[in-house]
Amino acid sequence: MGWKFWKQSQANTFPGTRPQDVVPPGAFALTIEDVFSITGRGTVVTGRVQAGSAAVGDQVVISRARQVLVQSQIDGIEMFKKSGLTVANAGDNVGLLLRGVSKDQVTRGDVIGK
């Protein structure tokens, strides 16, 4: 057997896409990069909006490996040097202020969706 046979067998074992990378068209999705707790305000999660858009007041769910962990509401949206935003669109790096979520409930890699 030559090296060509080895390369063919390795090409067929690629794991494919991860479950958190599959987003239905038109749906809101944000993968959490970091989590902060702000005294007097609540929990802020940061990350890039992968698809869709979200506004202040929207109900969202936080999931890990397609298992829903917590349901929450967006109380505020901020970007670097921009405060008081009402909408986060696809491609934006944002911080979302979430109501009723503690810092211990979410971790990096969790997905926020509608």
PDB file of N, CA and C in Angstrom:
ATOM      1  N   MET A   1       0.833  -1.188   0.000  1.00  0.00           N
ATOM      2  CA  MET A   1       0.000   0.000   0.000  1.00  0.00           C
ATOM      3  C   MET A   1       0.874   1.248   0.000  1.00  0.00           C
ATOM      4  N   GLY A   2       0.452   2.178  -0.773  1.00  0.00           N
ATOM      5  CA  GLY A   2       1.188   3.425  -0.859  1.00  0.00           C
ATOM      6  C   GLY A   2       0.533   4.509  -0.022  1.00  0.00           C
ATOM      7  N   TRP A   3       1.081   5.676  -0.113  1.00  0.00           N
ATOM      8  CA  TRP A   3       0.564   6.801   0.666  1.00  0.00           C
ATOM      9  C   TRP A   3      -0.801   7.259   0.187  1.00  0.00           C
ATOM     10  N   LYS A   4      -1.160   6.982  -1.071  1.00  0.00           N
ATOM     11  CA  LYS A   4      -2.453   7.397  -1.608  1.00  0.00           C
ATOM     12  C   LYS A   4      -3.606   6.724  -0.856  1.00  0.00           C
ATOM     13  N   PHE A   5      -3.447   5.471  -0.503  1.00  0.00           N
ATOM     14  CA  PHE A   5      -4.503   4.770   0.219  1.00  0.00           C
ATOM     15  C   PHE A   5      -4.680   5.337   1.629  1.00  0.00           C
ATOM     16  N   TRP A   6      -3.575   5.720   2.247  1.00  0.00           N
ATOM     17  CA  TRP A   6      -3.647   6.306   3.586  1.00  0.00           C
ATOM     18  C   TRP A   6      -4.395   7.623   3.552  1.00  0.00           C
ATOM     19  N   LYS A   7      -4.123   8.470   2.562  1.00  0.00           N
ATOM     20  CA  LYS A   7      -4.800   9.758   2.464  1.00  0.00           C
ATOM     21  C   LYS A   7      -6.301   9.588   2.232  1.00  0.00           C
ATOM     22  N   GLN A   8      -6.724   8.618   1.462  1.00  0.00           N
ATOM     23  CA  GLN A   8      -8.140   8.409   1.212  1.00  0.00           C
ATOM     24  C   GLN A   8      -8.871   8.002   2.482  1.00  0.00           C
ATOM     25  N   SER A   9      -8.285   7.147   3.280  1.00  0.00           N
ATOM     26  CA  SER A   9      -8.960   6.704   4.496  1.00  0.00           C
ATOM     27  C   SER A   9      -9.062   7.841   5.512  1.00  0.00           C
ATOM     28  N   GLN A  10      -8.082   8.720   5.558  1.00  0.00           N
ATOM     29  CA  GLN A  10      -8.128   9.848   6.482  1.00  0.00           C
ATOM     30  C   GLN A  10      -9.160  10.887   6.062  1.00  0.00           C
ATOM     31  N   ALA A  11      -9.371  11.056   4.766  1.00  0.00           N
ATOM     32  CA  ALA A  11     -10.316  12.059   4.273  1.00  0.00           C
ATOM     33  C   ALA A  11     -11.757  11.699   4.630  1.00  0.00           C
ATOM     34  N   ASN A  12     -12.057  10.446   4.802  1.00  0.00           N
ATOM     35  CA  ASN A  12     -13.414  10.014   5.105  1.00  0.00           C
ATOM     36  C   ASN A  12     -13.758  10.084   6.585  1.00  0.00           C
ATOM     37  N   THR A  13     -12.787  10.400   7.428  1.00  0.00           N
ATOM     38  CA  THR A  13     -13.038  10.403   8.863  1.00  0.00           C
ATOM     39  C   THR A  13     -13.220  11.809   9.431  1.00  0.00           C
ATOM     40  N   PHE A  14     -13.416  12.813   8.583  1.00  0.00           N
ATOM     41  CA  PHE A  14     -13.599  14.183   9.076  1.00  0.00           C
ATOM     42  C   PHE A  14     -14.886  14.263   9.892  1.00  0.00           C
ATOM     43  N   PRO A  15     -14.840  14.890  11.084  1.00  0.00           N
ATOM     44  CA  PRO A  15     -16.006  14.865  11.966  1.00  0.00           C
ATOM     45  C   PRO A  15     -17.204  15.671  11.480  1.00  0.00           C
ATOM     46  N   GLY A  16     -17.016  16.628  10.563  1.00  0.00           N
ATOM     47  CA  GLY A  16     -18.157  17.405  10.073  1.00  0.00           C
ATOM     48  C   GLY A  16     -18.394  18.650  10.907  1.00  0.00           C
ATOM     49  N   THR A  17     -19.624  19.141  10.893  1.00  0.00           N
ATOM     50  CA  THR A  17     -19.950  20.368  11.602  1.00  0.00           C
ATOM     51  C   THR A  17     -20.354  20.074  13.037  1.00  0.00           C
ATOM     52  N   ARG A  18     -20.090  21.042  13.903  1.00  0.00           N
ATOM     53  CA  ARG A  18     -20.499  20.924  15.290  1.00  0.00           C
ATOM     54  C   ARG A  18     -21.956  21.363  15.410  1.00  0.00           C
ATOM     55  N   PRO A  19     -22.714  20.842  16.392  1.00  0.00           N
ATOM     56  CA  PRO A  19     -24.125  21.216  16.519  1.00  0.00           C
ATOM     57  C   PRO A  19     -24.344  22.703  16.744  1.00  0.00           C
ATOM     58  N   GLN A  20     -23.431  23.381  17.456  1.00  0.00           N
ATOM     59  CA  GLN A  20     -23.623  24.795  17.729  1.00  0.00           C
ATOM     60  C   GLN A  20     -23.355  25.664  16.502  1.00  0.00           C
ATOM     61  N   ASP A  21     -22.747  25.098  15.437  1.00  0.00           N
ATOM     62  CA  ASP A  21     -22.488  25.863  14.228  1.00  0.00           C
ATOM     63  C   ASP A  21     -23.658  25.848  13.258  1.00  0.00           C
ATOM     64  N   VAL A  22     -24.628  24.988  13.474  1.00  0.00           N
ATOM     65  CA  VAL A  22     -25.773  24.893  12.579  1.00  0.00           C
ATOM     66  C   VAL A  22     -26.877  25.821  13.082  1.00  0.00           C
ATOM     67  N   VAL A  23     -27.181  26.859  12.301  1.00  0.00           N
ATOM     68  CA  VAL A  23     -28.183  27.842  12.678  1.00  0.00           C
ATOM     69  C   VAL A  23     -29.245  27.890  11.590  1.00  0.00           C
ATOM     70  N   PRO A  24     -30.519  27.730  11.940  1.00  0.00           N
ATOM     71  CA  PRO A  24     -31.565  27.834  10.924  1.00  0.00           C
ATOM     72  C   PRO A  24     -31.587  29.228  10.301  1.00  0.00           C
ATOM     73  N   PRO A  25     -31.921  29.342   9.018  1.00  0.00           N
ATOM     74  CA  PRO A  25     -31.952  30.654   8.370  1.00  0.00           C
ATOM     75  C   PRO A  25     -32.953  31.595   9.046  1.00  0.00           C
ATOM     76  N   GLY A  26     -32.544  32.819   9.269  1.00  0.00           N
ATOM     77  CA  GLY A  26     -33.420  33.825   9.865  1.00  0.00           C
ATOM     78  C   GLY A  26     -33.479  33.804  11.372  1.00  0.00           C
ATOM     79  N   ALA A  27     -32.858  32.828  12.015  1.00  0.00           N
ATOM     80  CA  ALA A  27     -32.895  32.720  13.470  1.00  0.00           C
ATOM     81  C   ALA A  27     -31.747  33.518  14.084  1.00  0.00           C
ATOM     82  N   PHE A  28     -31.956  34.019  15.310  1.00  0.00           N
ATOM     83  CA  PHE A  28     -30.912  34.743  16.028  1.00  0.00           C
ATOM     84  C   PHE A  28     -29.998  33.748  16.715  1.00  0.00           C
ATOM     85  N   ALA A  29     -28.689  33.970  16.608  1.00  0.00           N
ATOM     86  CA  ALA A  29     -27.719  33.120  17.300  1.00  0.00           C
ATOM     87  C   ALA A  29     -26.502  33.938  17.674  1.00  0.00           C
ATOM     88  N   LEU A  30     -26.067  33.803  18.922  1.00  0.00           N
ATOM     89  CA  LEU A  30     -24.865  34.454  19.417  1.00  0.00           C
ATOM     90  C   LEU A  30     -24.116  33.430  20.259  1.00  0.00           C
ATOM     91  N   THR A  31     -22.855  33.185  19.923  1.00  0.00           N
ATOM     92  CA  THR A  31     -22.022  32.293  20.715  1.00  0.00           C
ATOM     93  C   THR A  31     -21.307  33.124  21.772  1.00  0.00           C
ATOM     94  N   ILE A  32     -21.420  32.711  23.019  1.00  0.00           N
ATOM     95  CA  ILE A  32     -20.871  33.473  24.142  1.00  0.00           C
ATOM     96  C   ILE A  32     -19.349  33.350  24.175  1.00  0.00           C
ATOM     97  N   GLU A  33     -18.677  34.502  24.229  1.00  0.00           N
ATOM     98  CA  GLU A  33     -17.226  34.561  24.346  1.00  0.00           C
ATOM     99  C   GLU A  33     -16.787  34.781  25.788  1.00  0.00           C
ATOM    100  N   ASP A  34     -17.515  35.631  26.513  1.00  0.00           N
ATOM    101  CA  ASP A  34     -17.136  35.947  27.886  1.00  0.00           C
ATOM    102  C   ASP A  34     -18.375  36.330  28.689  1.00  0.00           C
ATOM    103  N   VAL A  35     -18.287  36.202  30.011  1.00  0.00           N
ATOM    104  CA  VAL A  35     -19.411  36.488  30.896  1.00  0.00           C
ATOM    105  C   VAL A  35     -18.916  37.402  32.018  1.00  0.00           C
ATOM    106  N   PHE A  36     -19.685  38.468  32.288  1.00  0.00           N
ATOM    107  CA  PHE A  36     -19.349  39.412  33.350  1.00  0.00           C
ATOM    108  C   PHE A  36     -20.556  39.594  34.258  1.00  0.00           C
ATOM    109  N   SER A  37     -20.296  39.889  35.520  1.00  0.00           N
ATOM    110  CA  SER A  37     -21.342  40.230  36.456  1.00  0.00           C
ATOM    111  C   SER A  37     -21.133  41.669  36.890  1.00  0.00           C
ATOM    112  N   ILE A  38     -22.123  42.521  36.639  1.00  0.00           N
ATOM    113  CA  ILE A  38     -22.029  43.928  36.994  1.00  0.00           C
ATOM    114  C   ILE A  38     -22.953  44.186  38.175  1.00  0.00           C
ATOM    115  N   THR A  39     -22.382  44.663  39.260  1.00  0.00           N
ATOM    116  CA  THR A  39     -23.144  44.913  40.475  1.00  0.00           C
ATOM    117  C   THR A  39     -24.238  45.945  40.216  1.00  0.00           C
ATOM    118  N   GLY A  40     -25.441  45.626  40.607  1.00  0.00           N
ATOM    119  CA  GLY A  40     -26.562  46.534  40.446  1.00  0.00           C
ATOM    120  C   GLY A  40     -27.248  46.461  39.092  1.00  0.00           C
ATOM    121  N   ARG A  41     -26.644  45.771  38.125  1.00  0.00           N
ATOM    122  CA  ARG A  41     -27.240  45.686  36.784  1.00  0.00           C
ATOM    123  C   ARG A  41     -27.626  44.250  36.434  1.00  0.00           C
ATOM    124  N   GLY A  42     -26.692  43.324  36.548  1.00  0.00           N
ATOM    125  CA  GLY A  42     -26.983  41.943  36.197  1.00  0.00           C
ATOM    126  C   GLY A  42     -25.802  41.290  35.510  1.00  0.00           C
ATOM    127  N   THR A  43     -26.100  40.332  34.650  1.00  0.00           N
ATOM    128  CA  THR A  43     -25.080  39.560  33.954  1.00  0.00           C
ATOM    129  C   THR A  43     -24.982  40.022  32.508  1.00  0.00           C
ATOM    130  N   VAL A  44     -23.756  40.250  32.064  1.00  0.00           N
ATOM    131  CA  VAL A  44     -23.495  40.657  30.684  1.00  0.00           C
ATOM    132  C   VAL A  44     -22.725  39.538  29.991  1.00  0.00           C
ATOM    133  N   VAL A  45     -23.229  39.119  28.832  1.00  0.00           N
ATOM    134  CA  VAL A  45     -22.523  38.145  28.008  1.00  0.00           C
ATOM    135  C   VAL A  45     -22.073  38.856  26.738  1.00  0.00           C
ATOM    136  N   THR A  46     -20.857  38.526  26.291  1.00  0.00           N
ATOM    137  CA  THR A  46     -20.329  39.149  25.090  1.00  0.00           C
ATOM    138  C   THR A  46     -20.094  38.095  24.027  1.00  0.00           C
ATOM    139  N   GLY A  47     -20.143  38.524  22.770  1.00  0.00           N
ATOM    140  CA  GLY A  47     -19.887  37.629  21.657  1.00  0.00           C
ATOM    141  C   GLY A  47     -20.304  38.259  20.343  1.00  0.00           C
ATOM    142  N   ARG A  48     -20.105  37.520  19.268  1.00  0.00           N
ATOM    143  CA  ARG A  48     -20.461  37.983  17.931  1.00  0.00           C
ATOM    144  C   ARG A  48     -21.791  37.361  17.522  1.00  0.00           C
ATOM    145  N   VAL A  49     -22.681  38.191  16.996  1.00  0.00           N
ATOM    146  CA  VAL A  49     -23.973  37.701  16.498  1.00  0.00           C
ATOM    147  C   VAL A  49     -23.711  36.956  15.196  1.00  0.00           C
ATOM    148  N   GLN A  50     -24.005  35.661  15.174  1.00  0.00           N
ATOM    149  CA  GLN A  50     -23.758  34.839  13.993  1.00  0.00           C
ATOM    150  C   GLN A  50     -24.822  35.024  12.933  1.00  0.00           C
ATOM    151  N   ALA A  51     -26.064  35.124  13.352  1.00  0.00           N
ATOM    152  CA  ALA A  51     -27.166  35.225  12.386  1.00  0.00           C
ATOM    153  C   ALA A  51     -28.338  35.938  13.030  1.00  0.00           C
ATOM    154  N   GLY A  52     -29.156  36.569  12.202  1.00  0.00           N
ATOM    155  CA  GLY A  52     -30.377  37.198  12.670  1.00  0.00           C
ATOM    156  C   GLY A  52     -30.134  38.492  13.418  1.00  0.00           C
ATOM    157  N   SER A  53     -31.131  38.907  14.176  1.00  0.00           N
ATOM    158  CA  SER A  53     -31.019  40.130  14.969  1.00  0.00           C
ATOM    159  C   SER A  53     -31.842  39.975  16.236  1.00  0.00           C
ATOM    160  N   ALA A  54     -31.481  40.766  17.243  1.00  0.00           N
ATOM    161  CA  ALA A  54     -32.196  40.758  18.521  1.00  0.00           C
ATOM    162  C   ALA A  54     -32.345  42.186  18.999  1.00  0.00           C
ATOM    163  N   ALA A  55     -33.419  42.464  19.681  1.00  0.00           N
ATOM    164  CA  ALA A  55     -33.693  43.806  20.186  1.00  0.00           C
ATOM    165  C   ALA A  55     -33.884  43.756  21.698  1.00  0.00           C
ATOM    166  N   VAL A  56     -33.795  44.918  22.313  1.00  0.00           N
ATOM    167  CA  VAL A  56     -34.045  45.029  23.750  1.00  0.00           C
ATOM    168  C   VAL A  56     -35.484  44.610  24.018  1.00  0.00           C
ATOM    169  N   GLY A  57     -35.655  43.750  25.015  1.00  0.00           N
ATOM    170  CA  GLY A  57     -36.988  43.260  25.362  1.00  0.00           C
ATOM    171  C   GLY A  57     -37.303  41.893  24.791  1.00  0.00           C
ATOM    172  N   ASP A  58     -36.483  41.390  23.877  1.00  0.00           N
ATOM    173  CA  ASP A  58     -36.723  40.073  23.284  1.00  0.00           C
ATOM    174  C   ASP A  58     -36.472  38.962  24.298  1.00  0.00           C
ATOM    175  N   GLN A  59     -37.266  37.917  24.215  1.00  0.00           N
ATOM    176  CA  GLN A  59     -37.061  36.716  25.011  1.00  0.00           C
ATOM    177  C   GLN A  59     -36.048  35.832  24.296  1.00  0.00           C
ATOM    178  N   VAL A  60     -35.033  35.346  25.013  1.00  0.00           N
ATOM    179  CA  VAL A  60     -34.008  34.484  24.437  1.00  0.00           C
ATOM    180  C   VAL A  60     -33.816  33.249  25.314  1.00  0.00           C
ATOM    181  N   VAL A  61     -33.239  32.214  24.725  1.00  0.00           N
ATOM    182  CA  VAL A  61     -32.896  31.008  25.473  1.00  0.00           C
ATOM    183  C   VAL A  61     -31.396  30.784  25.350  1.00  0.00           C
ATOM    184  N   ILE A  62     -30.809  30.312  26.427  1.00  0.00           N
ATOM    185  CA  ILE A  62     -29.395  29.970  26.435  1.00  0.00           C
ATOM    186  C   ILE A  62     -29.294  28.459  26.428  1.00  0.00           C
ATOM    187  N   SER A  63     -28.563  27.917  25.464  1.00  0.00           N
ATOM    188  CA  SER A  63     -28.470  26.465  25.337  1.00  0.00           C
ATOM    189  C   SER A  63     -27.010  26.032  25.263  1.00  0.00           C
ATOM    190  N   ARG A  64     -26.794  24.791  25.685  1.00  0.00           N
ATOM    191  CA  ARG A  64     -25.479  24.161  25.636  1.00  0.00           C
ATOM    192  C   ARG A  64     -25.673  22.778  25.051  1.00  0.00           C
ATOM    193  N   ALA A  65     -25.028  22.507  23.931  1.00  0.00           N
ATOM    194  CA  ALA A  65     -25.143  21.228  23.233  1.00  0.00           C
ATOM    195  C   ALA A  65     -26.602  20.892  22.927  1.00  0.00           C
ATOM    196  N   ARG A  66     -27.332  21.897  22.449  1.00  0.00           N
ATOM    197  CA  ARG A  66     -28.743  21.788  22.057  1.00  0.00           C
ATOM    198  C   ARG A  66     -29.692  21.482  23.211  1.00  0.00           C
ATOM    199  N   GLN A  67     -29.227  21.622  24.430  1.00  0.00           N
ATOM    200  CA  GLN A  67     -30.075  21.455  25.611  1.00  0.00           C
ATOM    201  C   GLN A  67     -30.333  22.841  26.200  1.00  0.00           C
ATOM    202  N   VAL A  68     -31.599  23.230  26.306  1.00  0.00           N
ATOM    203  CA  VAL A  68     -31.941  24.550  26.824  1.00  0.00           C
ATOM    204  C   VAL A  68     -31.607  24.617  28.310  1.00  0.00           C
ATOM    205  N   LEU A  69     -30.848  25.647  28.693  1.00  0.00           N
ATOM    206  CA  LEU A  69     -30.469  25.826  30.095  1.00  0.00           C
ATOM    207  C   LEU A  69     -31.365  26.836  30.797  1.00  0.00           C
ATOM    208  N   VAL A  70     -31.478  28.033  30.221  1.00  0.00           N
ATOM    209  CA  VAL A  70     -32.159  29.147  30.874  1.00  0.00           C
ATOM    210  C   VAL A  70     -32.898  29.967  29.830  1.00  0.00           C
ATOM    211  N   GLN A  71     -34.056  30.490  30.226  1.00  0.00           N
ATOM    212  CA  GLN A  71     -34.758  31.456  29.389  1.00  0.00           C
ATOM    213  C   GLN A  71     -34.614  32.817  30.057  1.00  0.00           C
ATOM    214  N   SER A  72     -34.362  33.852  29.256  1.00  0.00           N
ATOM    215  CA  SER A  72     -34.105  35.174  29.808  1.00  0.00           C
ATOM    216  C   SER A  72     -34.644  36.250  28.878  1.00  0.00           C
ATOM    217  N   GLN A  73     -34.457  37.502  29.295  1.00  0.00           N
ATOM    218  CA  GLN A  73     -34.881  38.647  28.505  1.00  0.00           C
ATOM    219  C   GLN A  73     -33.706  39.606  28.364  1.00  0.00           C
ATOM    220  N   ILE A  74     -33.566  40.219  27.195  1.00  0.00           N
ATOM    221  CA  ILE A  74     -32.498  41.176  26.947  1.00  0.00           C
ATOM    222  C   ILE A  74     -32.906  42.529  27.524  1.00  0.00           C
ATOM    223  N   ASP A  75     -32.118  43.037  28.478  1.00  0.00           N
ATOM    224  CA  ASP A  75     -32.393  44.338  29.092  1.00  0.00           C
ATOM    225  C   ASP A  75     -31.585  45.464  28.463  1.00  0.00           C
ATOM    226  N   GLY A  76     -30.481  45.134  27.804  1.00  0.00           N
ATOM    227  CA  GLY A  76     -29.656  46.166  27.193  1.00  0.00           C
ATOM    228  C   GLY A  76     -28.681  45.579  26.201  1.00  0.00           C
ATOM    229  N   ILE A  77     -28.289  46.398  25.211  1.00  0.00           N
ATOM    230  CA  ILE A  77     -27.318  45.998  24.196  1.00  0.00           C
ATOM    231  C   ILE A  77     -26.280  47.102  24.090  1.00  0.00           C
ATOM    232  N   GLU A  78     -24.999  46.723  24.092  1.00  0.00           N
ATOM    233  CA  GLU A  78     -23.931  47.697  23.939  1.00  0.00           C
ATOM    234  C   GLU A  78     -22.858  47.149  23.011  1.00  0.00           C
ATOM    235  N   MET A  79     -22.219  48.085  22.291  1.00  0.00           N
ATOM    236  CA  MET A  79     -21.049  47.785  21.479  1.00  0.00           C
ATOM    237  C   MET A  79     -19.921  48.697  21.945  1.00  0.00           C
ATOM    238  N   PHE A  80     -18.714  48.443  21.478  1.00  0.00           N
ATOM    239  CA  PHE A  80     -17.562  49.257  21.853  1.00  0.00           C
ATOM    240  C   PHE A  80     -17.783  50.700  21.423  1.00  0.00           C
ATOM    241  N   LYS A  81     -17.718  51.616  22.370  1.00  0.00           N
ATOM    242  CA  LYS A  81     -17.925  53.053  22.162  1.00  0.00           C
ATOM    243  C   LYS A  81     -19.317  53.402  21.649  1.00  0.00           C
ATOM    244  N   LYS A  82     -20.273  52.505  21.810  1.00  0.00           N
ATOM    245  CA  LYS A  82     -21.655  52.784  21.431  1.00  0.00           C
ATOM    246  C   LYS A  82     -22.550  52.230  22.534  1.00  0.00           C
ATOM    247  N   SER A  83     -23.312  53.090  23.174  1.00  0.00           N
ATOM    248  CA  SER A  83     -24.212  52.612  24.213  1.00  0.00           C
ATOM    249  C   SER A  83     -25.633  53.030  23.862  1.00  0.00           C
ATOM    250  N   GLY A  84     -26.583  52.376  24.475  1.00  0.00           N
ATOM    251  CA  GLY A  84     -27.978  52.701  24.230  1.00  0.00           C
ATOM    252  C   GLY A  84     -28.524  52.139  22.939  1.00  0.00           C
ATOM    253  N   LEU A  85     -27.879  51.111  22.394  1.00  0.00           N
ATOM    254  CA  LEU A  85     -28.394  50.480  21.174  1.00  0.00           C
ATOM    255  C   LEU A  85     -29.661  49.700  21.488  1.00  0.00           C
ATOM    256  N   THR A  86     -30.524  49.561  20.504  1.00  0.00           N
ATOM    257  CA  THR A  86     -31.759  48.801  20.697  1.00  0.00           C
ATOM    258  C   THR A  86     -31.782  47.515  19.887  1.00  0.00           C
ATOM    259  N   VAL A  87     -30.880  47.388  18.894  1.00  0.00           N
ATOM    260  CA  VAL A  87     -30.871  46.202  18.031  1.00  0.00           C
ATOM    261  C   VAL A  87     -29.436  45.735  17.808  1.00  0.00           C
ATOM    262  N   ALA A  88     -29.228  44.411  17.833  1.00  0.00           N
ATOM    263  CA  ALA A  88     -27.951  43.798  17.475  1.00  0.00           C
ATOM    264  C   ALA A  88     -28.171  42.967  16.221  1.00  0.00           C
ATOM    265  N   ASN A  89     -27.387  43.224  15.180  1.00  0.00           N
ATOM    266  CA  ASN A  89     -27.529  42.530  13.905  1.00  0.00           C
ATOM    267  C   ASN A  89     -26.393  41.554  13.679  1.00  0.00           C
ATOM    268  N   ALA A  90     -26.544  40.692  12.678  1.00  0.00           N
ATOM    269  CA  ALA A  90     -25.531  39.693  12.349  1.00  0.00           C
ATOM    270  C   ALA A  90     -24.194  40.375  12.065  1.00  0.00           C
ATOM    271  N   GLY A  91     -23.122  39.823  12.647  1.00  0.00           N
ATOM    272  CA  GLY A  91     -21.788  40.352  12.458  1.00  0.00           C
ATOM    273  C   GLY A  91     -21.333  41.319  13.525  1.00  0.00           C
ATOM    274  N   ASP A  92     -22.229  41.783  14.381  1.00  0.00           N
ATOM    275  CA  ASP A  92     -21.878  42.738  15.429  1.00  0.00           C
ATOM    276  C   ASP A  92     -21.243  42.023  16.627  1.00  0.00           C
ATOM    277  N   ASN A  93     -20.189  42.626  17.185  1.00  0.00           N
ATOM    278  CA  ASN A  93     -19.646  42.190  18.467  1.00  0.00           C
ATOM    279  C   ASN A  93     -20.369  42.984  19.538  1.00  0.00           C
ATOM    280  N   VAL A  94     -21.151  42.310  20.365  1.00  0.00           N
ATOM    281  CA  VAL A  94     -22.006  43.016  21.311  1.00  0.00           C
ATOM    282  C   VAL A  94     -21.885  42.420  22.707  1.00  0.00           C
ATOM    283  N   GLY A  95     -22.372  43.197  23.655  1.00  0.00           N
ATOM    284  CA  GLY A  95     -22.580  42.740  25.014  1.00  0.00           C
ATOM    285  C   GLY A  95     -24.067  42.807  25.295  1.00  0.00           C
ATOM    286  N   LEU A  96     -24.645  41.715  25.755  1.00  0.00           N
ATOM    287  CA  LEU A  96     -26.074  41.665  26.069  1.00  0.00           C
ATOM    288  C   LEU A  96     -26.255  41.597  27.575  1.00  0.00           C
ATOM    289  N   LEU A  97     -27.055  42.517  28.111  1.00  0.00           N
ATOM    290  CA  LEU A  97     -27.407  42.499  29.527  1.00  0.00           C
ATOM    291  C   LEU A  97     -28.645  41.627  29.663  1.00  0.00           C
ATOM    292  N   LEU A  98     -28.511  40.525  30.416  1.00  0.00           N
ATOM    293  CA  LEU A  98     -29.591  39.555  30.548  1.00  0.00           C
ATOM    294  C   LEU A  98     -30.216  39.612  31.925  1.00  0.00           C
ATOM    295  N   ARG A  99     -31.524  39.479  31.967  1.00  0.00           N
ATOM    296  CA  ARG A  99     -32.289  39.516  33.212  1.00  0.00           C
ATOM    297  C   ARG A  99     -32.446  38.093  33.763  1.00  0.00           C
ATOM    298  N   GLY A 100     -32.224  37.938  35.066  1.00  0.00           N
ATOM    299  CA  GLY A 100     -32.489  36.673  35.743  1.00  0.00           C
ATOM    300  C   GLY A 100     -31.489  35.569  35.474  1.00  0.00           C
ATOM    301  N   VAL A 101     -30.276  35.918  35.068  1.00  0.00           N
ATOM    302  CA  VAL A 101     -29.241  34.924  34.798  1.00  0.00           C
ATOM    303  C   VAL A 101     -28.047  35.240  35.675  1.00  0.00           C
ATOM    304  N   SER A 102     -27.514  34.221  36.358  1.00  0.00           N
ATOM    305  CA  SER A 102     -26.308  34.438  37.155  1.00  0.00           C
ATOM    306  C   SER A 102     -25.076  34.054  36.339  1.00  0.00           C
ATOM    307  N   LYS A 103     -23.945  34.559  36.755  1.00  0.00           N
ATOM    308  CA  LYS A 103     -22.695  34.310  36.040  1.00  0.00           C
ATOM    309  C   LYS A 103     -22.347  32.826  36.015  1.00  0.00           C
ATOM    310  N   ASP A 104     -22.745  32.096  37.042  1.00  0.00           N
ATOM    311  CA  ASP A 104     -22.412  30.678  37.141  1.00  0.00           C
ATOM    312  C   ASP A 104     -23.237  29.799  36.194  1.00  0.00           C
ATOM    313  N   GLN A 105     -24.330  30.299  35.680  1.00  0.00           N
ATOM    314  CA  GLN A 105     -25.205  29.496  34.825  1.00  0.00           C
ATOM    315  C   GLN A 105     -24.733  29.407  33.383  1.00  0.00           C
ATOM    316  N   VAL A 106     -23.915  30.356  32.935  1.00  0.00           N
ATOM    317  CA  VAL A 106     -23.472  30.363  31.544  1.00  0.00           C
ATOM    318  C   VAL A 106     -21.956  30.334  31.460  1.00  0.00           C
ATOM    319  N   THR A 107     -21.439  29.745  30.392  1.00  0.00           N
ATOM    320  CA  THR A 107     -19.998  29.674  30.170  1.00  0.00           C
ATOM    321  C   THR A 107     -19.693  29.964  28.707  1.00  0.00           C
ATOM    322  N   ARG A 108     -18.431  30.120  28.426  1.00  0.00           N
ATOM    323  CA  ARG A 108     -17.988  30.350  27.053  1.00  0.00           C
ATOM    324  C   ARG A 108     -18.385  29.162  26.177  1.00  0.00           C
ATOM    325  N   GLY A 109     -18.914  29.456  25.008  1.00  0.00           N
ATOM    326  CA  GLY A 109     -19.321  28.413  24.072  1.00  0.00           C
ATOM    327  C   GLY A 109     -20.810  28.148  24.067  1.00  0.00           C
ATOM    328  N   ASP A 110     -21.537  28.604  25.092  1.00  0.00           N
ATOM    329  CA  ASP A 110     -22.986  28.463  25.087  1.00  0.00           C
ATOM    330  C   ASP A 110     -23.569  29.333  23.973  1.00  0.00           C
ATOM    331  N   VAL A 111     -24.752  28.983  23.505  1.00  0.00           N
ATOM    332  CA  VAL A 111     -25.369  29.692  22.390  1.00  0.00           C
ATOM    333  C   VAL A 111     -26.665  30.353  22.870  1.00  0.00           C
ATOM    334  N   ILE A 112     -26.822  31.637  22.521  1.00  0.00           N
ATOM    335  CA  ILE A 112     -28.052  32.360  22.813  1.00  0.00           C
ATOM    336  C   ILE A 112     -28.866  32.426  21.536  1.00  0.00           C
ATOM    337  N   GLY A 113     -30.133  32.038  21.619  1.00  0.00           N
ATOM    338  CA  GLY A 113     -31.024  32.076  20.455  1.00  0.00           C
ATOM    339  C   GLY A 113     -32.413  32.468  20.874  1.00  0.00           C
ATOM    340  N   LYS A 114     -33.265  32.673  19.870  1.00  0.00           N
ATOM    341  CA  LYS A 114     -34.665  33.023  20.141  1.00  0.00           C
ATOM    342  C   LYS A 114     -35.521  31.783  20.073  1.00  0.00           C
TER     343      LYS A 114
END
